[in-house]
Amino acid sequence: MIVRIMGEGQVEVAQSHLAALNKLDDELLAEMESGDGPGFRRTLNALLDQVREFGAPLPDDALEPSDLILPSPEATLEEVREMLSDDGLIPG
């Protein structure tokens, strides 16, 4: 699965890591719904860190279609809210 982190580039993440990423995505969604700004920031950074940890970076000149697009680490709660589907950032 190809994941793009906005402003950083793309990484290839094995499907086997999807459950761990979905758990963080669910936490992020709950924090957004409750308006927990500090929790949102902490969980967004944890999600992006796991994608970076689990993923293998693609070359900068690679133009692969992204299966998932995640916000940048600096994204605001409102910006991320606009990116969400009913399933969160990562479809379940």
PDB file of N, CA and C in Angstrom:
ATOM      1  N   MET A   1       0.853  -1.157   0.000  1.00  0.00           N
ATOM      2  CA  MET A   1       0.000   0.000   0.000  1.00  0.00           C
ATOM      3  C   MET A   1       0.908   1.231   0.000  1.00  0.00           C
ATOM      4  N   ILE A   2       0.622   2.189  -0.888  1.00  0.00           N
ATOM      5  CA  ILE A   2       1.399   3.418  -0.985  1.00  0.00           C
ATOM      6  C   ILE A   2       0.688   4.504  -0.173  1.00  0.00           C
ATOM      7  N   VAL A   3       1.432   5.099   0.758  1.00  0.00           N
ATOM      8  CA  VAL A   3       0.892   6.139   1.628  1.00  0.00           C
ATOM      9  C   VAL A   3       1.673   7.424   1.380  1.00  0.00           C
ATOM     10  N   ARG A   4       0.951   8.501   1.151  1.00  0.00           N
ATOM     11  CA  ARG A   4       1.576   9.818   1.006  1.00  0.00           C
ATOM     12  C   ARG A   4       1.330  10.612   2.279  1.00  0.00           C
ATOM     13  N   ILE A   5       2.417  11.136   2.834  1.00  0.00           N
ATOM     14  CA  ILE A   5       2.307  12.101   3.926  1.00  0.00           C
ATOM     15  C   ILE A   5       2.499  13.458   3.275  1.00  0.00           C
ATOM     16  N   MET A   6       1.502  14.300   3.345  1.00  0.00           N
ATOM     17  CA  MET A   6       1.552  15.585   2.666  1.00  0.00           C
ATOM     18  C   MET A   6       2.789  16.367   3.118  1.00  0.00           C
ATOM     19  N   GLY A   7       3.514  16.874   2.131  1.00  0.00           N
ATOM     20  CA  GLY A   7       4.703  17.649   2.396  1.00  0.00           C
ATOM     21  C   GLY A   7       5.963  16.827   2.624  1.00  0.00           C
ATOM     22  N   GLU A   8       5.834  15.502   2.661  1.00  0.00           N
ATOM     23  CA  GLU A   8       7.001  14.650   2.925  1.00  0.00           C
ATOM     24  C   GLU A   8       7.306  13.681   1.803  1.00  0.00           C
ATOM     25  N   GLY A   9       6.314  13.130   1.165  1.00  0.00           N
ATOM     26  CA  GLY A   9       6.543  12.139   0.120  1.00  0.00           C
ATOM     27  C   GLY A   9       5.769  10.864   0.381  1.00  0.00           C
ATOM     28  N   GLN A  10       6.153   9.810  -0.326  1.00  0.00           N
ATOM     29  CA  GLN A  10       5.436   8.541  -0.282  1.00  0.00           C
ATOM     30  C   GLN A  10       6.282   7.449   0.363  1.00  0.00           C
ATOM     31  N   VAL A  11       5.585   6.536   1.032  1.00  0.00           N
ATOM     32  CA  VAL A  11       6.213   5.333   1.578  1.00  0.00           C
ATOM     33  C   VAL A  11       5.339   4.145   1.226  1.00  0.00           C
ATOM     34  N   GLU A  12       5.981   2.993   1.100  1.00  0.00           N
ATOM     35  CA  GLU A  12       5.231   1.755   0.864  1.00  0.00           C
ATOM     36  C   GLU A  12       5.135   1.020   2.189  1.00  0.00           C
ATOM     37  N   VAL A  13       3.888   0.740   2.601  1.00  0.00           N
ATOM     38  CA  VAL A  13       3.611   0.092   3.887  1.00  0.00           C
ATOM     39  C   VAL A  13       2.913  -1.236   3.604  1.00  0.00           C
ATOM     40  N   ALA A  14       3.392  -2.297   4.242  1.00  0.00           N
ATOM     41  CA  ALA A  14       2.775  -3.618   4.065  1.00  0.00           C
ATOM     42  C   ALA A  14       1.370  -3.630   4.658  1.00  0.00           C
ATOM     43  N   GLN A  15       0.474  -4.360   4.017  1.00  0.00           N
ATOM     44  CA  GLN A  15      -0.912  -4.486   4.495  1.00  0.00           C
ATOM     45  C   GLN A  15      -0.970  -5.030   5.922  1.00  0.00           C
ATOM     46  N   SER A  16       0.039  -5.780   6.317  1.00  0.00           N
ATOM     47  CA  SER A  16       0.042  -6.374   7.654  1.00  0.00           C
ATOM     48  C   SER A  16       0.074  -5.319   8.765  1.00  0.00           C
ATOM     49  N   HIS A  17       0.431  -4.100   8.447  1.00  0.00           N
ATOM     50  CA  HIS A  17       0.485  -3.023   9.446  1.00  0.00           C
ATOM     51  C   HIS A  17      -0.813  -2.222   9.511  1.00  0.00           C
ATOM     52  N   LEU A  18      -1.754  -2.549   8.663  1.00  0.00           N
ATOM     53  CA  LEU A  18      -2.989  -1.775   8.570  1.00  0.00           C
ATOM     54  C   LEU A  18      -3.780  -1.765   9.875  1.00  0.00           C
ATOM     55  N   ALA A  19      -3.827  -2.874  10.597  1.00  0.00           N
ATOM     56  CA  ALA A  19      -4.594  -2.931  11.853  1.00  0.00           C
ATOM     57  C   ALA A  19      -4.031  -1.954  12.881  1.00  0.00           C
ATOM     58  N   ALA A  20      -2.713  -1.882  13.014  1.00  0.00           N
ATOM     59  CA  ALA A  20      -2.094  -0.961  13.976  1.00  0.00           C
ATOM     60  C   ALA A  20      -2.370   0.487  13.572  1.00  0.00           C
ATOM     61  N   LEU A  21      -2.299   0.772  12.280  1.00  0.00           N
ATOM     62  CA  LEU A  21      -2.571   2.128  11.810  1.00  0.00           C
ATOM     63  C   LEU A  21      -4.037   2.488  12.001  1.00  0.00           C
ATOM     64  N   ASN A  22      -4.932   1.517  11.769  1.00  0.00           N
ATOM     65  CA  ASN A  22      -6.358   1.765  11.966  1.00  0.00           C
ATOM     66  C   ASN A  22      -6.693   2.063  13.426  1.00  0.00           C
ATOM     67  N   LYS A  23      -6.001   1.421  14.347  1.00  0.00           N
ATOM     68  CA  LYS A  23      -6.232   1.678  15.777  1.00  0.00           C
ATOM     69  C   LYS A  23      -5.925   3.145  16.098  1.00  0.00           C
ATOM     70  N   LEU A  24      -4.804   3.641  15.613  1.00  0.00           N
ATOM     71  CA  LEU A  24      -4.457   5.050  15.828  1.00  0.00           C
ATOM     72  C   LEU A  24      -5.429   5.973  15.099  1.00  0.00           C
ATOM     73  N   ASP A  25      -5.868   5.571  13.914  1.00  0.00           N
ATOM     74  CA  ASP A  25      -6.832   6.361  13.159  1.00  0.00           C
ATOM     75  C   ASP A  25      -8.145   6.479  13.936  1.00  0.00           C
ATOM     76  N   ASP A  26      -8.588   5.396  14.568  1.00  0.00           N
ATOM     77  CA  ASP A  26      -9.809   5.429  15.374  1.00  0.00           C
ATOM     78  C   ASP A  26      -9.655   6.376  16.563  1.00  0.00           C
ATOM     79  N   GLU A  27      -8.484   6.343  17.208  1.00  0.00           N
ATOM     80  CA  GLU A  27      -8.222   7.250  18.324  1.00  0.00           C
ATOM     81  C   GLU A  27      -8.243   8.703  17.843  1.00  0.00           C
ATOM     82  N   LEU A  28      -7.637   8.953  16.695  1.00  0.00           N
ATOM     83  CA  LEU A  28      -7.602  10.297  16.136  1.00  0.00           C
ATOM     84  C   LEU A  28      -9.009  10.805  15.856  1.00  0.00           C
ATOM     85  N   LEU A  29      -9.840   9.961  15.283  1.00  0.00           N
ATOM     86  CA  LEU A  29     -11.223  10.325  14.986  1.00  0.00           C
ATOM     87  C   LEU A  29     -11.979  10.674  16.267  1.00  0.00           C
ATOM     88  N   ALA A  30     -11.808   9.882  17.319  1.00  0.00           N
ATOM     89  CA  ALA A  30     -12.487  10.142  18.593  1.00  0.00           C
ATOM     90  C   ALA A  30     -12.012  11.472  19.194  1.00  0.00           C
ATOM     91  N   GLU A  31     -10.724  11.745  19.109  1.00  0.00           N
ATOM     92  CA  GLU A  31     -10.203  13.002  19.653  1.00  0.00           C
ATOM     93  C   GLU A  31     -10.705  14.201  18.860  1.00  0.00           C
ATOM     94  N   MET A  32     -10.834  14.036  17.574  1.00  0.00           N
ATOM     95  CA  MET A  32     -11.370  15.122  16.759  1.00  0.00           C
ATOM     96  C   MET A  32     -12.827  15.387  17.100  1.00  0.00           C
ATOM     97  N   GLU A  33     -13.595  14.314  17.260  1.00  0.00           N
ATOM     98  CA  GLU A  33     -15.010  14.471  17.574  1.00  0.00           C
ATOM     99  C   GLU A  33     -15.225  15.129  18.931  1.00  0.00           C
ATOM    100  N   SER A  34     -14.307  14.866  19.871  1.00  0.00           N
ATOM    101  CA  SER A  34     -14.451  15.454  21.206  1.00  0.00           C
ATOM    102  C   SER A  34     -13.767  16.819  21.308  1.00  0.00           C
ATOM    103  N   GLY A  35     -13.030  17.222  20.265  1.00  0.00           N
ATOM    104  CA  GLY A  35     -12.335  18.501  20.292  1.00  0.00           C
ATOM    105  C   GLY A  35     -11.085  18.500  21.158  1.00  0.00           C
ATOM    106  N   ASP A  36     -10.504  17.322  21.376  1.00  0.00           N
ATOM    107  CA  ASP A  36      -9.301  17.190  22.201  1.00  0.00           C
ATOM    108  C   ASP A  36      -8.071  17.560  21.371  1.00  0.00           C
ATOM    109  N   GLY A  37      -7.723  18.846  21.363  1.00  0.00           N
ATOM    110  CA  GLY A  37      -6.600  19.333  20.567  1.00  0.00           C
ATOM    111  C   GLY A  37      -5.270  18.679  20.908  1.00  0.00           C
ATOM    112  N   PRO A  38      -4.877  18.637  22.204  1.00  0.00           N
ATOM    113  CA  PRO A  38      -3.601  17.998  22.542  1.00  0.00           C
ATOM    114  C   PRO A  38      -3.585  16.502  22.205  1.00  0.00           C
ATOM    115  N   GLY A  39      -4.688  15.812  22.442  1.00  0.00           N
ATOM    116  CA  GLY A  39      -4.772  14.391  22.098  1.00  0.00           C
ATOM    117  C   GLY A  39      -4.693  14.180  20.599  1.00  0.00           C
ATOM    118  N   PHE A  40      -5.364  15.042  19.853  1.00  0.00           N
ATOM    119  CA  PHE A  40      -5.322  14.997  18.391  1.00  0.00           C
ATOM    120  C   PHE A  40      -3.883  15.122  17.905  1.00  0.00           C
ATOM    121  N   ARG A  41      -3.147  16.117  18.400  1.00  0.00           N
ATOM    122  CA  ARG A  41      -1.764  16.353  17.959  1.00  0.00           C
ATOM    123  C   ARG A  41      -0.873  15.150  18.293  1.00  0.00           C
ATOM    124  N   ARG A  42      -1.032  14.623  19.507  1.00  0.00           N
ATOM    125  CA  ARG A  42      -0.230  13.476  19.948  1.00  0.00           C
ATOM    126  C   ARG A  42      -0.508  12.251  19.066  1.00  0.00           C
ATOM    127  N   THR A  43      -1.777  11.972  18.804  1.00  0.00           N
ATOM    128  CA  THR A  43      -2.144  10.790  18.027  1.00  0.00           C
ATOM    129  C   THR A  43      -1.788  10.949  16.553  1.00  0.00           C
ATOM    130  N   LEU A  44      -1.959  12.152  16.005  1.00  0.00           N
ATOM    131  CA  LEU A  44      -1.561  12.379  14.614  1.00  0.00           C
ATOM    132  C   LEU A  44      -0.067  12.120  14.455  1.00  0.00           C
ATOM    133  N   ASN A  45       0.735  12.635  15.377  1.00  0.00           N
ATOM    134  CA  ASN A  45       2.179  12.407  15.303  1.00  0.00           C
ATOM    135  C   ASN A  45       2.522  10.930  15.473  1.00  0.00           C
ATOM    136  N   ALA A  46       1.807  10.226  16.348  1.00  0.00           N
ATOM    137  CA  ALA A  46       2.044   8.789  16.531  1.00  0.00           C
ATOM    138  C   ALA A  46       1.692   8.024  15.250  1.00  0.00           C
ATOM    139  N   LEU A  47       0.590   8.392  14.609  1.00  0.00           N
ATOM    140  CA  LEU A  47       0.181   7.741  13.361  1.00  0.00           C
ATOM    141  C   LEU A  47       1.230   7.956  12.274  1.00  0.00           C
ATOM    142  N   LEU A  48       1.669   9.190  12.111  1.00  0.00           N
ATOM    143  CA  LEU A  48       2.673   9.482  11.089  1.00  0.00           C
ATOM    144  C   LEU A  48       4.001   8.799  11.406  1.00  0.00           C
ATOM    145  N   ASP A  49       4.372   8.756  12.683  1.00  0.00           N
ATOM    146  CA  ASP A  49       5.604   8.064  13.078  1.00  0.00           C
ATOM    147  C   ASP A  49       5.540   6.583  12.736  1.00  0.00           C
ATOM    148  N   GLN A  50       4.375   5.970  12.961  1.00  0.00           N
ATOM    149  CA  GLN A  50       4.251   4.542  12.642  1.00  0.00           C
ATOM    150  C   GLN A  50       4.312   4.309  11.140  1.00  0.00           C
ATOM    151  N   VAL A  51       3.705   5.186  10.356  1.00  0.00           N
ATOM    152  CA  VAL A  51       3.782   5.042   8.900  1.00  0.00           C
ATOM    153  C   VAL A  51       5.241   5.133   8.458  1.00  0.00           C
ATOM    154  N   ARG A  52       5.969   6.090   9.018  1.00  0.00           N
ATOM    155  CA  ARG A  52       7.391   6.236   8.672  1.00  0.00           C
ATOM    156  C   ARG A  52       8.196   5.008   9.114  1.00  0.00           C
ATOM    157  N   GLU A  53       7.869   4.490  10.307  1.00  0.00           N
ATOM    158  CA  GLU A  53       8.587   3.327  10.839  1.00  0.00           C
ATOM    159  C   GLU A  53       8.310   2.071  10.015  1.00  0.00           C
ATOM    160  N   PHE A  54       7.036   1.841   9.708  1.00  0.00           N
ATOM    161  CA  PHE A  54       6.640   0.634   8.991  1.00  0.00           C
ATOM    162  C   PHE A  54       6.940   0.720   7.492  1.00  0.00           C
ATOM    163  N   GLY A  55       7.035   1.936   6.962  1.00  0.00           N
ATOM    164  CA  GLY A  55       7.127   2.118   5.526  1.00  0.00           C
ATOM    165  C   GLY A  55       8.542   2.208   4.997  1.00  0.00           C
ATOM    166  N   ALA A  56       8.654   1.890   3.726  1.00  0.00           N
ATOM    167  CA  ALA A  56       9.907   2.049   2.991  1.00  0.00           C
ATOM    168  C   ALA A  56       9.721   3.239   2.053  1.00  0.00           C
ATOM    169  N   PRO A  57      10.531   4.296   2.220  1.00  0.00           N
ATOM    170  CA  PRO A  57      10.361   5.489   1.374  1.00  0.00           C
ATOM    171  C   PRO A  57      10.536   5.170  -0.106  1.00  0.00           C
ATOM    172  N   LEU A  58       9.680   5.760  -0.910  1.00  0.00           N
ATOM    173  CA  LEU A  58       9.828   5.661  -2.361  1.00  0.00           C
ATOM    174  C   LEU A  58      10.762   6.778  -2.820  1.00  0.00           C
ATOM    175  N   PRO A  59      11.467   6.576  -3.908  1.00  0.00           N
ATOM    176  CA  PRO A  59      12.340   7.643  -4.418  1.00  0.00           C
ATOM    177  C   PRO A  59      11.540   8.918  -4.701  1.00  0.00           C
ATOM    178  N   ASP A  60      12.185  10.059  -4.551  1.00  0.00           N
ATOM    179  CA  ASP A  60      11.506  11.343  -4.763  1.00  0.00           C
ATOM    180  C   ASP A  60      10.932  11.479  -6.167  1.00  0.00           C
ATOM    181  N   ASP A  61      11.559  10.819  -7.146  1.00  0.00           N
ATOM    182  CA  ASP A  61      11.073  10.931  -8.519  1.00  0.00           C
ATOM    183  C   ASP A  61      10.003   9.887  -8.868  1.00  0.00           C
ATOM    184  N   ALA A  62       9.620   9.042  -7.912  1.00  0.00           N
ATOM    185  CA  ALA A  62       8.563   8.043  -8.146  1.00  0.00           C
ATOM    186  C   ALA A  62       7.210   8.742  -8.179  1.00  0.00           C
ATOM    187  N   LEU A  63       6.378   8.359  -9.116  1.00  0.00           N
ATOM    188  CA  LEU A  63       5.042   8.937  -9.235  1.00  0.00           C
ATOM    189  C   LEU A  63       3.991   7.837  -9.155  1.00  0.00           C
ATOM    190  N   GLU A  64       3.956   7.151  -8.039  1.00  0.00           N
ATOM    191  CA  GLU A  64       2.998   6.071  -7.823  1.00  0.00           C
ATOM    192  C   GLU A  64       1.682   6.658  -7.310  1.00  0.00           C
ATOM    193  N   PRO A  65       0.548   6.095  -7.720  1.00  0.00           N
ATOM    194  CA  PRO A  65      -0.710   6.556  -7.142  1.00  0.00           C
ATOM    195  C   PRO A  65      -0.765   6.172  -5.657  1.00  0.00           C
ATOM    196  N   SER A  66      -1.197   7.094  -4.835  1.00  0.00           N
ATOM    197  CA  SER A  66      -1.266   6.846  -3.392  1.00  0.00           C
ATOM    198  C   SER A  66      -2.586   6.176  -3.031  1.00  0.00           C
ATOM    199  N   ASP A  67      -2.489   5.110  -2.220  1.00  0.00           N
ATOM    200  CA  ASP A  67      -3.696   4.454  -1.708  1.00  0.00           C
ATOM    201  C   ASP A  67      -4.293   5.261  -0.555  1.00  0.00           C
ATOM    202  N   LEU A  68      -3.423   5.918   0.214  1.00  0.00           N
ATOM    203  CA  LEU A  68      -3.847   6.753   1.339  1.00  0.00           C
ATOM    204  C   LEU A  68      -3.078   8.061   1.302  1.00  0.00           C
ATOM    205  N   ILE A  69      -3.743   9.137   1.663  1.00  0.00           N
ATOM    206  CA  ILE A  69      -3.087  10.432   1.798  1.00  0.00           C
ATOM    207  C   ILE A  69      -3.318  10.903   3.219  1.00  0.00           C
ATOM    208  N   LEU A  70      -2.217  11.115   3.933  1.00  0.00           N
ATOM    209  CA  LEU A  70      -2.284  11.553   5.320  1.00  0.00           C
ATOM    210  C   LEU A  70      -1.829  12.997   5.424  1.00  0.00           C
ATOM    211  N   PRO A  71      -2.354  13.720   6.403  1.00  0.00           N
ATOM    212  CA  PRO A  71      -1.981  15.129   6.553  1.00  0.00           C
ATOM    213  C   PRO A  71      -0.545  15.291   7.026  1.00  0.00           C
ATOM    214  N   SER A  72      -0.034  16.495   6.851  1.00  0.00           N
ATOM    215  CA  SER A  72       1.305  16.804   7.352  1.00  0.00           C
ATOM    216  C   SER A  72       1.262  16.877   8.879  1.00  0.00           C
ATOM    217  N   PRO A  73       2.408  16.768   9.523  1.00  0.00           N
ATOM    218  CA  PRO A  73       2.440  16.843  10.987  1.00  0.00           C
ATOM    219  C   PRO A  73       1.936  18.178  11.528  1.00  0.00           C
ATOM    220  N   GLU A  74       1.994  19.221  10.722  1.00  0.00           N
ATOM    221  CA  GLU A  74       1.567  20.547  11.156  1.00  0.00           C
ATOM    222  C   GLU A  74       0.092  20.826  10.898  1.00  0.00           C
ATOM    223  N   ALA A  75      -0.623  19.894  10.305  1.00  0.00           N
ATOM    224  CA  ALA A  75      -2.025  20.110   9.959  1.00  0.00           C
ATOM    225  C   ALA A  75      -2.853  20.418  11.204  1.00  0.00           C
ATOM    226  N   THR A  76      -3.809  21.310  11.029  1.00  0.00           N
ATOM    227  CA  THR A  76      -4.702  21.659  12.138  1.00  0.00           C
ATOM    228  C   THR A  76      -5.835  20.644  12.236  1.00  0.00           C
ATOM    229  N   LEU A  77      -6.503  20.681  13.364  1.00  0.00           N
ATOM    230  CA  LEU A  77      -7.659  19.810  13.573  1.00  0.00           C
ATOM    231  C   LEU A  77      -8.691  20.045  12.468  1.00  0.00           C
ATOM    232  N   GLU A  78      -8.930  21.283  12.109  1.00  0.00           N
ATOM    233  CA  GLU A  78      -9.919  21.600  11.072  1.00  0.00           C
ATOM    234  C   GLU A  78      -9.481  21.078   9.699  1.00  0.00           C
ATOM    235  N   GLU A  79      -8.190  21.211   9.381  1.00  0.00           N
ATOM    236  CA  GLU A  79      -7.695  20.712   8.094  1.00  0.00           C
ATOM    237  C   GLU A  79      -7.851  19.197   8.003  1.00  0.00           C
ATOM    238  N   VAL A  80      -7.566  18.508   9.080  1.00  0.00           N
ATOM    239  CA  VAL A  80      -7.698  17.052   9.080  1.00  0.00           C
ATOM    240  C   VAL A  80      -9.173  16.662   9.025  1.00  0.00           C
ATOM    241  N   ARG A  81     -10.010  17.397   9.706  1.00  0.00           N
ATOM    242  CA  ARG A  81     -11.454  17.111   9.671  1.00  0.00           C
ATOM    243  C   ARG A  81     -11.966  17.141   8.235  1.00  0.00           C
ATOM    244  N   GLU A  82     -11.460  18.064   7.420  1.00  0.00           N
ATOM    245  CA  GLU A  82     -11.887  18.160   6.019  1.00  0.00           C
ATOM    246  C   GLU A  82     -11.433  16.955   5.196  1.00  0.00           C
ATOM    247  N   MET A  83     -10.359  16.294   5.624  1.00  0.00           N
ATOM    248  CA  MET A  83      -9.834  15.133   4.896  1.00  0.00           C
ATOM    249  C   MET A  83     -10.536  13.833   5.263  1.00  0.00           C
ATOM    250  N   LEU A  84     -11.282  13.834   6.354  1.00  0.00           N
ATOM    251  CA  LEU A  84     -11.852  12.597   6.885  1.00  0.00           C
ATOM    252  C   LEU A  84     -13.015  12.079   6.065  1.00  0.00           C
ATOM    253  N   SER A  85     -13.102  10.765   6.014  1.00  0.00           N
ATOM    254  CA  SER A  85     -14.296  10.093   5.526  1.00  0.00           C
ATOM    255  C   SER A  85     -15.016   9.555   6.765  1.00  0.00           C
ATOM    256  N   ASP A  86     -16.090   8.838   6.586  1.00  0.00           N
ATOM    257  CA  ASP A  86     -16.792   8.245   7.723  1.00  0.00           C
ATOM    258  C   ASP A  86     -15.920   7.254   8.470  1.00  0.00           C
ATOM    259  N   ASP A  87     -14.924   6.670   7.783  1.00  0.00           N
ATOM    260  CA  ASP A  87     -14.030   5.686   8.369  1.00  0.00           C
ATOM    261  C   ASP A  87     -12.765   6.298   8.960  1.00  0.00           C
ATOM    262  N   GLY A  88     -12.632   7.616   8.915  1.00  0.00           N
ATOM    263  CA  GLY A  88     -11.413   8.252   9.371  1.00  0.00           C
ATOM    264  C   GLY A  88     -10.482   8.483   8.187  1.00  0.00           C
ATOM    265  N   LEU A  89      -9.198   8.624   8.466  1.00  0.00           N
ATOM    266  CA  LEU A  89      -8.222   8.842   7.400  1.00  0.00           C
ATOM    267  C   LEU A  89      -7.882   7.550   6.678  1.00  0.00           C
ATOM    268  N   ILE A  90      -7.983   6.434   7.398  1.00  0.00           N
ATOM    269  CA  ILE A  90      -7.629   5.121   6.850  1.00  0.00           C
ATOM    270  C   ILE A  90      -8.888   4.262   6.787  1.00  0.00           C
ATOM    271  N   PRO A  91      -9.403   3.998   5.584  1.00  0.00           N
ATOM    272  CA  PRO A  91     -10.611   3.179   5.474  1.00  0.00           C
ATOM    273  C   PRO A  91     -10.398   1.797   6.103  1.00  0.00           C
ATOM    274  N   GLY A  92     -11.398   1.363   6.832  1.00  0.00           N
ATOM    275  CA  GLY A  92     -11.284   0.119   7.576  1.00  0.00           C
ATOM    276  C   GLY A  92     -11.592  -1.094   6.815  1.00  0.00           C
TER     277      GLY A  92
END
